[in-house]
Amino acid sequence: MLYARQLGWFHSIPQSRDKSAESQRLTRMDKIIENGGTPLLPPVGDAEYLLEYWRAVGMAISNGMGTAPITATELTHWANAQGLELAPWEFAALLEMSRTYLGAMQQGENPNSLPPYGDPVNQFDRQKVANKVSNAFKAFIGASKRK
């Protein structure tokens, strides 16, 4: 479930006081990629096929009031349409992954929430950030010289 939790955190949009359209539509994953980072996901080993099933059925559903976890009925219909016979533990795991994912998305709206997996300090390219800071200082110094 750690993978689903991490992915939900990445797909969350932190609520900030900055009400600009840009800041309100970028997910944590978008921001990390924009800052030169690489989103870190936990290894899943032999469970990779379950992630593929989860993605194929849809990680969550729209229910007219927003987003909701996958239901047992929808999962059953999807598995039947795919010709799959899920083991009881696989069925339960897929439902739990959807619930965990949505819960992590909701918790991730808190701008101070930490990722469930990995080091939040290493979610960016230090050189890219250093270049941005350096360019900002150069612009500031150049502007003060013109006065």
Foldseek 3Di string as FASTA:
>chain_A
DLQLLLLLLQQAQADDPPPDPVSRPHGNVNVLVVQAFHRDGDDDPPCVVLVVLLVVLDLWDQDPVGTGFDDLVSSVVVCVVVVHDDDPVSSVVSRVSSVSSNVSNVVSNHVPDDRSDDDPVRSHDPVSVVVVVVVVVVVVVVVVVVD
